[in-house]
Amino acid sequence: MSTMYLLLFDVGNTNTKIGLSQDGRLLGSYSFPSSTADTADTWGFRVLEICRYWELAPEKLTAWIISSVVPPLNDALKVAGDRFCACPVHFVPKDIGVPLENHYARPQEVGADRLVTALAARRRFATPAIIVVDFGTATTFDCIQDKAYLGGLICPGVLSSAKGLALQTAKLPQISLELDSDEVQIGMSTSTSLNHGFLFGFASMIEGLCARIQKHLFGEVTVVATGGFGRRLQPVCPCLEHVEPDLLLQGLQYAADQLSCDILGGQPSSSQRRS
């Protein structure tokens, strides 16, 4: 039985996360800045470094599986996969469909990242309804009811909001956005006022919106957070029952499992055998 190695790409507006999986098991993930100036060679050499770290020959990679919300990077990634690894490059959902009913009014408007995280959440959690809170450049809420993607909400992102405020207010200090207390404090310095305002303000937004959204869902609801900021907010945001930093990469693996073994050139992955 041949080993199946996949490169999983979460191409976001700010960062791109690349994961390496072996037979459905994520070995590791690495983040790089997303820049439309990056060439196929830029991405190719990044992948070569990951392969070198894992002592894996690039030609051993079975395929690249990509979720991208930055269309200008797609051609460079496709060229890089062919030039540096001589393997197929598949985009989700363009090349690999997501097995959820898409209830968006215009289904093509839903970002690939939102569909893929919804798929991963559906596969990971058994409750009839799920809310995925993704802390990215924007903070998104995605709702899954049974086997249907219903849609959700798009709100400001934590880091993008902090950067926007800093650009518009020259006198305000840079803040750490590190949690130093489980209780909100009345700030007696500008930095504390900002830090607690952002952390507890976003926590309250998450709590409030999840409570309102749940009124539109049926049955038990699971709330799962993903993205870099989820684990930081979880201690002051009780509604975040689960934090899954690599949820999107898991979703890409689940999507790849749909491809036939002939296309991927291997055997069913461990995630297929578990499902």
Protein backbone atom coordinates (compact mmCIF):
# COMPACT_ATOMS: atom_id res chain seq x y z
CA MET A 1 0.00 0.00 0.00
CA SER A 2 1.57 3.28 -1.08
CA THR A 3 1.73 6.22 1.32
CA MET A 4 -0.32 9.27 0.34
CA TYR A 5 1.23 12.65 1.05
CA LEU A 6 -0.89 15.75 0.44
CA LEU A 7 -0.04 19.43 0.68
CA LEU A 8 -3.04 21.36 2.00
CA PHE A 9 -3.17 25.12 1.31
CA ASP A 10 -5.35 27.61 3.18
CA VAL A 11 -4.76 30.76 1.12
CA GLY A 12 -6.16 33.72 3.06
CA ASN A 13 -6.03 37.45 2.54
CA THR A 14 -3.36 37.97 5.21
CA ASN A 15 -1.60 34.62 5.56
CA THR A 16 -1.35 31.29 3.81
CA LYS A 17 -1.18 28.16 5.94
CA ILE A 18 0.37 25.07 4.36
CA GLY A 19 -0.19 21.67 5.95
CA LEU A 20 1.45 18.36 5.13
CA SER A 21 -0.64 15.24 5.66
CA GLN A 22 0.32 11.59 5.49
CA ASP A 23 -2.51 9.13 4.86
CA GLY A 24 -5.05 11.58 6.28
CA ARG A 25 -2.99 12.57 9.36
CA LEU A 26 -1.75 16.16 9.59
CA LEU A 27 2.00 16.10 10.24
CA GLY A 28 2.51 19.84 10.61
CA SER A 29 1.41 23.25 9.35
CA TYR A 30 3.30 26.43 8.50
CA SER A 31 2.19 30.03 7.91
CA PHE A 32 3.48 32.43 5.28
CA PRO A 33 2.35 35.94 4.35
CA SER A 34 -0.01 36.06 1.38
CA SER A 35 1.26 38.47 -1.24
CA THR A 36 0.05 38.79 -4.80
CA ALA A 37 3.67 39.65 -5.69
CA ASP A 38 4.76 36.09 -4.88
CA THR A 39 5.72 34.05 -7.93
CA ALA A 40 5.48 30.35 -8.65
CA ASP A 41 9.14 30.10 -7.66
CA THR A 42 8.41 31.74 -4.29
CA TRP A 43 5.80 29.09 -3.50
CA GLY A 44 7.86 26.29 -4.99
CA PHE A 45 10.87 26.99 -2.81
CA ARG A 46 8.67 27.30 0.28
CA VAL A 47 7.32 23.84 -0.44
CA LEU A 48 10.83 22.49 -1.03
CA GLU A 49 11.83 23.76 2.42
CA ILE A 50 8.86 22.00 4.01
CA CYS A 51 9.75 18.78 2.19
CA ARG A 52 13.39 19.12 3.25
CA TYR A 53 12.31 19.57 6.87
CA TRP A 54 10.32 16.33 6.73
CA GLU A 55 13.00 14.56 4.65
CA LEU A 56 10.42 13.98 1.96
CA ALA A 57 11.27 14.00 -1.73
CA PRO A 58 8.97 16.51 -3.54
CA GLU A 59 8.03 13.93 -6.15
CA LYS A 60 6.53 11.81 -3.36
CA LEU A 61 3.72 14.35 -2.96
CA THR A 62 0.46 12.97 -4.35
CA ALA A 63 -1.35 16.29 -4.88
CA TRP A 64 -1.79 19.85 -3.70
CA ILE A 65 -5.29 20.58 -2.35
CA ILE A 66 -6.05 24.31 -2.15
CA SER A 67 -8.69 26.60 -0.68
CA SER A 68 -8.02 30.14 -1.91
CA VAL A 69 -9.77 33.46 -1.39
CA VAL A 70 -6.98 35.29 -3.26
CA PRO A 71 -7.60 34.55 -6.97
CA PRO A 72 -4.44 36.38 -8.21
CA LEU A 73 -2.32 33.70 -6.46
CA ASN A 74 -4.06 30.71 -8.00
CA ASP A 75 -2.12 30.58 -11.27
CA ALA A 76 1.23 30.83 -9.48
CA LEU A 77 0.29 27.98 -7.16
CA LYS A 78 -0.83 25.79 -10.04
CA VAL A 79 2.44 26.40 -11.92
CA ALA A 80 4.48 25.76 -8.76
CA GLY A 81 2.82 22.40 -8.13
CA ASP A 82 3.61 21.24 -11.64
CA ARG A 83 7.13 22.67 -11.83
CA PHE A 84 8.46 21.71 -8.40
CA CYS A 85 6.50 18.56 -7.54
CA ALA A 86 5.10 17.34 -10.88
CA CYS A 87 1.79 16.59 -9.16
CA PRO A 88 -1.81 17.68 -9.74
CA VAL A 89 -3.15 20.83 -8.07
CA HIS A 90 -6.83 20.75 -7.08
CA PHE A 91 -8.85 23.75 -5.92
CA VAL A 92 -11.85 23.40 -3.59
CA PRO A 93 -14.67 23.80 -4.53
CA LYS A 94 -13.80 24.42 -8.21
CA ASP A 95 -12.18 21.02 -8.83
CA ILE A 96 -13.43 19.14 -5.77
CA GLY A 97 -16.98 19.80 -4.65
CA VAL A 98 -18.02 20.22 -1.02
CA PRO A 99 -20.71 17.65 -0.08
CA LEU A 100 -23.02 20.11 1.69
CA GLU A 101 -26.23 21.66 0.41
CA ASN A 102 -25.37 25.32 -0.22
CA HIS A 103 -28.36 27.48 0.77
CA TYR A 104 -26.72 30.80 -0.05
CA ALA A 105 -28.88 32.97 -2.34
CA ARG A 106 -25.95 33.08 -4.78
CA PRO A 107 -23.95 29.93 -3.97
CA GLN A 108 -20.94 31.07 -6.01
CA GLU A 109 -20.45 34.03 -3.66
CA VAL A 110 -19.52 31.88 -0.66
CA GLY A 111 -15.78 31.94 0.02
CA ALA A 112 -14.00 28.62 -0.38
CA ASP A 113 -12.64 28.91 3.16
CA ARG A 114 -16.14 29.13 4.66
CA LEU A 115 -17.38 26.06 2.81
CA VAL A 116 -14.31 24.01 3.68
CA THR A 117 -14.45 24.84 7.39
CA ALA A 118 -18.17 24.04 7.35
CA LEU A 119 -17.39 20.63 5.85
CA ALA A 120 -14.75 19.94 8.50
CA ALA A 121 -17.10 20.96 11.31
CA ARG A 122 -19.86 18.75 9.93
CA ARG A 123 -17.49 15.78 9.84
CA ARG A 124 -16.07 16.51 13.32
CA PHE A 125 -19.24 17.17 15.34
CA ALA A 126 -22.45 15.15 15.55
CA THR A 127 -24.93 17.77 16.79
CA PRO A 128 -27.69 18.74 14.33
CA ALA A 129 -26.55 22.38 14.23
CA ILE A 130 -23.07 23.92 14.26
CA ILE A 131 -21.77 27.48 14.33
CA VAL A 132 -18.18 27.97 13.15
CA VAL A 133 -16.53 31.20 14.30
CA ASP A 134 -13.44 31.87 12.19
CA PHE A 135 -11.02 34.53 13.44
CA GLY A 136 -9.29 35.64 10.27
CA THR A 137 -8.86 38.96 8.49
CA ALA A 138 -12.61 39.16 9.09
CA THR A 139 -14.49 37.34 11.86
CA THR A 140 -17.01 35.06 10.19
CA PHE A 141 -19.90 33.03 11.57
CA ASP A 142 -20.96 30.04 9.47
CA CYS A 143 -24.06 27.99 10.21
CA ILE A 144 -24.56 24.32 9.41
CA GLN A 145 -27.89 22.57 9.92
CA ASP A 146 -27.73 18.83 9.36
CA LYS A 147 -26.10 18.49 5.90
CA ALA A 148 -26.79 22.05 4.75
CA TYR A 149 -24.60 25.14 4.77
CA LEU A 150 -27.06 27.92 5.62
CA GLY A 151 -24.85 31.01 5.41
CA GLY A 152 -23.74 33.25 8.24
CA LEU A 153 -22.33 36.62 9.20
CA ILE A 154 -19.19 38.59 8.33
CA CYS A 155 -17.87 40.95 11.01
CA PRO A 156 -14.66 42.97 11.50
CA GLY A 157 -11.55 40.99 12.34
CA VAL A 158 -9.73 41.52 15.63
CA LEU A 159 -6.28 42.26 14.21
CA SER A 160 -7.54 44.20 11.18
CA SER A 161 -9.67 46.36 13.50
CA ALA A 162 -6.69 47.05 15.76
CA LYS A 163 -4.52 47.97 12.78
CA GLY A 164 -7.23 50.21 11.35
CA LEU A 165 -7.59 52.07 14.63
CA ALA A 166 -3.82 52.51 14.92
CA LEU A 167 -3.64 54.00 11.42
CA GLN A 168 -6.33 56.57 12.21
CA THR A 169 -5.17 57.55 15.70
CA ALA A 170 -1.56 58.64 15.91
CA LYS A 171 -1.49 59.02 19.71
CA LEU A 172 -2.88 55.63 20.62
CA PRO A 173 -0.21 53.07 21.65
CA GLN A 174 0.31 49.67 20.13
CA ILE A 175 -1.41 46.99 22.21
CA SER A 176 -0.52 43.37 22.89
CA LEU A 177 -4.02 41.86 22.62
CA GLU A 178 -2.86 39.40 25.29
CA LEU A 179 -5.36 38.36 27.93
CA ASP A 180 -4.12 39.42 31.39
CA SER A 181 -7.37 38.92 33.34
CA ASP A 182 -10.50 36.80 33.17
CA GLU A 183 -12.58 39.83 34.14
CA VAL A 184 -12.93 43.12 32.30
CA GLN A 185 -11.24 46.04 34.05
CA ILE A 186 -11.97 49.74 33.99
CA GLY A 187 -8.82 50.85 32.22
CA MET A 188 -6.61 53.26 34.13
CA SER A 189 -4.18 53.55 31.23
CA THR A 190 -4.70 53.91 27.51
CA SER A 191 -3.12 50.54 26.77
CA THR A 192 -5.34 48.70 29.29
CA SER A 193 -8.41 50.54 28.02
CA LEU A 194 -7.62 49.45 24.47
CA ASN A 195 -6.60 45.91 25.32
CA HIS A 196 -9.65 45.15 27.43
CA GLY A 197 -11.90 47.04 25.06
CA PHE A 198 -10.81 44.86 22.15
CA LEU A 199 -10.64 41.51 23.95
CA PHE A 200 -13.84 41.76 25.97
CA GLY A 201 -15.62 43.72 23.27
CA PHE A 202 -15.03 40.98 20.71
CA ALA A 203 -15.87 38.29 23.29
CA SER A 204 -19.20 40.01 23.94
CA MET A 205 -19.85 40.29 20.21
CA ILE A 206 -19.21 36.55 19.79
CA GLU A 207 -21.41 35.64 22.76
CA GLY A 208 -24.22 37.92 21.69
CA LEU A 209 -24.28 36.92 18.03
CA CYS A 210 -24.05 33.19 18.78
CA ALA A 211 -27.03 33.51 21.16
CA ARG A 212 -29.04 35.33 18.48
CA ILE A 213 -28.04 32.90 15.71
CA GLN A 214 -28.99 29.85 17.76
CA LYS A 215 -32.62 31.01 17.72
CA HIS A 216 -32.64 30.27 13.97
CA LEU A 217 -31.20 26.74 14.33
CA PHE A 218 -32.84 23.49 15.40
CA GLY A 219 -31.67 20.94 17.92
CA GLU A 220 -28.46 20.95 19.93
CA VAL A 221 -25.88 23.47 18.69
CA THR A 222 -22.10 23.14 18.82
CA VAL A 223 -19.99 26.31 18.61
CA VAL A 224 -16.44 25.82 17.36
CA ALA A 225 -13.76 28.45 16.87
CA THR A 226 -10.92 28.39 14.40
CA GLY A 227 -8.26 30.86 13.31
CA GLY A 228 -5.40 32.30 15.27
CA PHE A 229 -7.38 34.30 17.80
CA GLY A 230 -9.87 31.66 18.94
CA ARG A 231 -7.74 30.08 21.65
CA ARG A 232 -6.85 33.49 23.06
CA LEU A 233 -10.49 34.52 23.45
CA GLN A 234 -11.87 31.18 24.66
CA PRO A 235 -11.18 31.82 28.41
CA VAL A 236 -13.47 34.88 28.37
CA CYS A 237 -15.93 33.62 25.78
CA PRO A 238 -17.72 30.58 27.27
CA CYS A 239 -19.82 29.92 24.18
CA LEU A 240 -16.67 28.78 22.32
CA GLU A 241 -16.96 25.12 23.30
CA HIS A 242 -14.22 23.90 20.98
CA VAL A 243 -11.15 25.49 19.39
CA GLU A 244 -9.77 23.81 16.27
CA PRO A 245 -6.85 25.87 14.86
CA ASP A 246 -6.45 23.62 11.80
CA LEU A 247 -10.14 23.14 11.00
CA LEU A 248 -9.78 24.36 7.42
CA LEU A 249 -6.85 22.03 6.74
CA GLN A 250 -8.95 19.17 8.12
CA GLY A 251 -11.69 20.20 5.72
CA LEU A 252 -9.29 20.07 2.79
CA GLN A 253 -8.30 16.56 3.80
CA TYR A 254 -11.96 15.53 3.93
CA ALA A 255 -12.52 17.11 0.51
CA ALA A 256 -9.51 15.26 -0.91
CA ASP A 257 -10.94 11.98 0.38
CA GLN A 258 -13.68 12.33 -2.22
CA LEU A 259 -11.22 12.00 -5.06
CA SER A 260 -10.90 8.50 -6.38
CA CYS A 261 -7.77 6.55 -5.62
CA ASP A 262 -7.06 6.49 -9.36
CA ILE A 263 -6.90 10.29 -9.49
CA LEU A 264 -4.75 10.60 -6.37
CA GLY A 265 -2.72 7.54 -7.19
CA GLY A 266 -3.00 5.93 -3.76
CA GLN A 267 -5.21 4.13 -1.26
CA PRO A 268 -8.07 5.50 0.88
CA SER A 269 -6.71 7.78 3.59
CA SER A 270 -7.05 7.07 7.29
CA SER A 271 -9.74 9.76 7.52
CA GLN A 272 -11.77 7.84 4.92
CA ARG A 273 -11.34 4.60 6.81
CA ARG A 274 -12.50 6.28 10.06
CA SER A 275 -15.65 7.79 8.51
